């Protein structure tokens, strides 16, 4: 199983440690193609590659993945784009969201019946969710 994990980079890196925890948990279900998303030294400036290199590499990974798991709490244009592309090619998609006072999940994510949206508070809650999702 190839898993594409999406999380905010240029939209903000406040959740990098959380991403690392989620990636570690996802590794129990398959190969996480985007482990770098959880690296603490990856800043909001991104990688030292050209935008075209990043786009081509990430699209290859996304199209080659069996599923997309996206942490969508921190707003990110890139993550939204990846979700849209995954929907267009018929990928199984799970979006993870932590409720925050004064904020709402995008209606384009929350209202899309093709996406499995999971609201959670702590990563430990995701084990059972992932067990169900990946063992279908």
Protein backbone atom coordinates (compact mmCIF):
# COMPACT_ATOMS: atom_id res chain seq x y z
CA UNK A 1 0.00 0.00 0.00
CA UNK A 2 1.39 3.39 -1.01
CA UNK A 3 0.18 6.30 1.10
CA UNK A 4 0.45 9.96 0.12
CA UNK A 5 0.32 12.09 3.26
CA UNK A 6 -0.47 15.78 2.76
CA UNK A 7 0.05 18.51 5.32
CA UNK A 8 0.79 22.21 5.26
CA UNK A 9 4.26 23.44 4.37
CA UNK A 10 4.04 26.98 3.04
CA UNK A 11 0.71 27.55 4.78
CA UNK A 12 2.46 27.15 8.14
CA UNK A 13 4.54 24.53 9.94
CA UNK A 14 3.03 24.74 13.43
CA UNK A 15 1.79 21.14 13.10
CA UNK A 16 5.06 19.55 11.86
CA UNK A 17 5.48 17.44 15.04
CA UNK A 18 1.86 16.29 14.73
CA UNK A 19 2.47 15.35 11.08
CA UNK A 20 5.49 13.28 12.15
CA UNK A 21 3.31 11.37 14.63
CA UNK A 22 0.64 10.73 12.00
CA UNK A 23 3.25 9.59 9.47
CA UNK A 24 4.72 7.18 12.00
CA UNK A 25 1.26 5.70 12.58
CA UNK A 26 0.52 5.54 8.84
CA UNK A 27 3.76 3.60 8.26
CA UNK A 28 2.05 0.64 9.96
CA UNK A 29 -0.30 0.43 6.97
CA UNK A 30 2.09 0.91 4.08
CA UNK A 31 4.83 3.03 2.54
CA UNK A 32 4.38 6.74 3.25
CA UNK A 33 5.72 8.45 0.14
CA UNK A 34 5.88 11.91 1.72
CA UNK A 35 7.67 11.35 5.02
CA UNK A 36 9.47 14.68 4.61
CA UNK A 37 6.23 16.51 5.52
CA UNK A 38 6.87 15.59 9.17
CA UNK A 39 10.49 16.75 9.31
CA UNK A 40 11.00 19.47 11.90
CA UNK A 41 13.72 21.16 9.84
CA UNK A 42 11.41 21.62 6.83
CA UNK A 43 10.42 25.27 7.11
CA UNK A 44 7.46 27.12 5.65
CA UNK A 45 9.81 28.15 2.83
CA UNK A 46 9.75 24.57 1.64
CA UNK A 47 12.52 22.54 0.05
CA UNK A 48 15.52 23.74 -1.89
CA UNK A 49 14.15 22.56 -5.21
CA UNK A 50 12.48 24.42 -8.02
CA UNK A 51 8.70 24.67 -7.84
CA UNK A 52 8.51 22.63 -11.05
CA UNK A 53 10.66 19.85 -9.54
CA UNK A 54 8.44 19.73 -6.45
CA UNK A 55 5.26 19.72 -8.54
CA UNK A 56 6.46 16.92 -10.83
CA UNK A 57 7.77 14.76 -7.98
CA UNK A 58 4.67 15.23 -5.84
CA UNK A 59 2.29 14.56 -8.72
CA UNK A 60 4.19 11.36 -9.53
CA UNK A 61 3.87 10.30 -5.89
CA UNK A 62 0.21 11.28 -5.70
CA UNK A 63 -0.75 9.48 -8.90
CA UNK A 64 1.24 6.41 -7.82
CA UNK A 65 -0.33 6.29 -4.36
CA UNK A 66 -3.21 4.03 -3.41
CA UNK A 67 -4.67 6.53 -0.94
CA UNK A 68 -4.34 10.15 0.14
CA UNK A 69 -4.44 11.05 3.82
CA UNK A 70 -4.51 14.82 4.32
CA UNK A 71 -4.26 16.74 7.59
CA UNK A 72 -6.40 19.78 6.76
CA UNK A 73 -6.49 21.72 10.03
CA UNK A 74 -3.93 24.28 8.81
CA UNK A 75 -5.20 25.89 5.64
CA UNK A 76 -2.96 25.13 2.66
CA UNK A 77 -3.45 25.85 -1.03
CA UNK A 78 -1.15 22.95 -1.90
CA UNK A 79 -3.05 20.43 0.20
CA UNK A 80 -6.33 21.62 -1.30
CA UNK A 81 -4.86 21.22 -4.78
CA UNK A 82 -3.64 17.70 -3.97
CA UNK A 83 -7.08 16.73 -2.68
CA UNK A 84 -8.71 18.07 -5.85
CA UNK A 85 -6.31 16.13 -8.06
CA UNK A 86 -6.85 12.95 -6.02
CA UNK A 87 -10.63 13.32 -6.33
CA UNK A 88 -10.29 13.83 -10.10
CA UNK A 89 -8.43 10.53 -10.53
CA UNK A 90 -10.64 8.55 -8.14
CA UNK A 91 -8.27 8.03 -5.19
CA UNK A 92 -9.53 7.01 -1.75
CA UNK A 93 -9.13 10.09 0.44
CA UNK A 94 -9.24 10.71 4.17
CA UNK A 95 -9.09 14.24 5.57
CA UNK A 96 -8.12 14.72 9.22
CA UNK A 97 -9.33 17.83 11.04
CA UNK A 98 -8.95 19.12 14.59
CA UNK A 99 -11.80 21.41 15.64
CA UNK A 100 -10.65 24.93 16.60
CA UNK A 101 -12.65 27.64 18.29
CA UNK A 102 -13.55 30.40 15.86
CA UNK A 103 -12.63 28.35 12.76
CA UNK A 104 -14.48 25.98 10.47
CA UNK A 105 -13.33 23.36 8.03
CA UNK A 106 -13.68 24.44 4.40
CA UNK A 107 -17.12 23.60 3.06
CA UNK A 108 -15.45 22.28 -0.10
CA UNK A 109 -13.81 19.57 2.00
CA UNK A 110 -16.55 19.03 4.57
CA UNK A 111 -19.33 18.92 1.99
CA UNK A 112 -17.67 16.59 -0.52
CA UNK A 113 -19.23 13.11 -0.25
CA UNK A 114 -16.17 11.56 -1.93
CA UNK A 115 -13.98 12.47 1.06
CA UNK A 116 -13.90 10.70 4.40
CA UNK A 117 -13.59 13.53 6.92
CA UNK A 118 -12.41 12.55 10.40
CA UNK A 119 -12.55 14.98 13.29
CA UNK A 120 -10.10 14.19 16.07
CA UNK A 121 -8.33 15.74 19.03
CA UNK A 122 -5.27 13.51 19.52
CA UNK A 123 -3.26 11.25 17.22
CA UNK A 124 -3.93 8.20 19.40
CA UNK A 125 -7.58 8.40 18.30
CA UNK A 126 -6.52 7.75 14.70
CA UNK A 127 -5.34 4.15 15.15
CA UNK A 128 -8.88 2.73 15.09
CA UNK A 129 -9.84 5.10 12.28
CA UNK A 130 -6.86 3.97 10.20
CA UNK A 131 -7.54 0.29 11.03
CA UNK A 132 -11.01 0.65 9.56
CA UNK A 133 -9.93 2.75 6.55
CA UNK A 134 -6.97 0.60 5.48
CA UNK A 135 -8.56 -2.77 6.14
CA UNK A 136 -11.49 -2.19 3.77
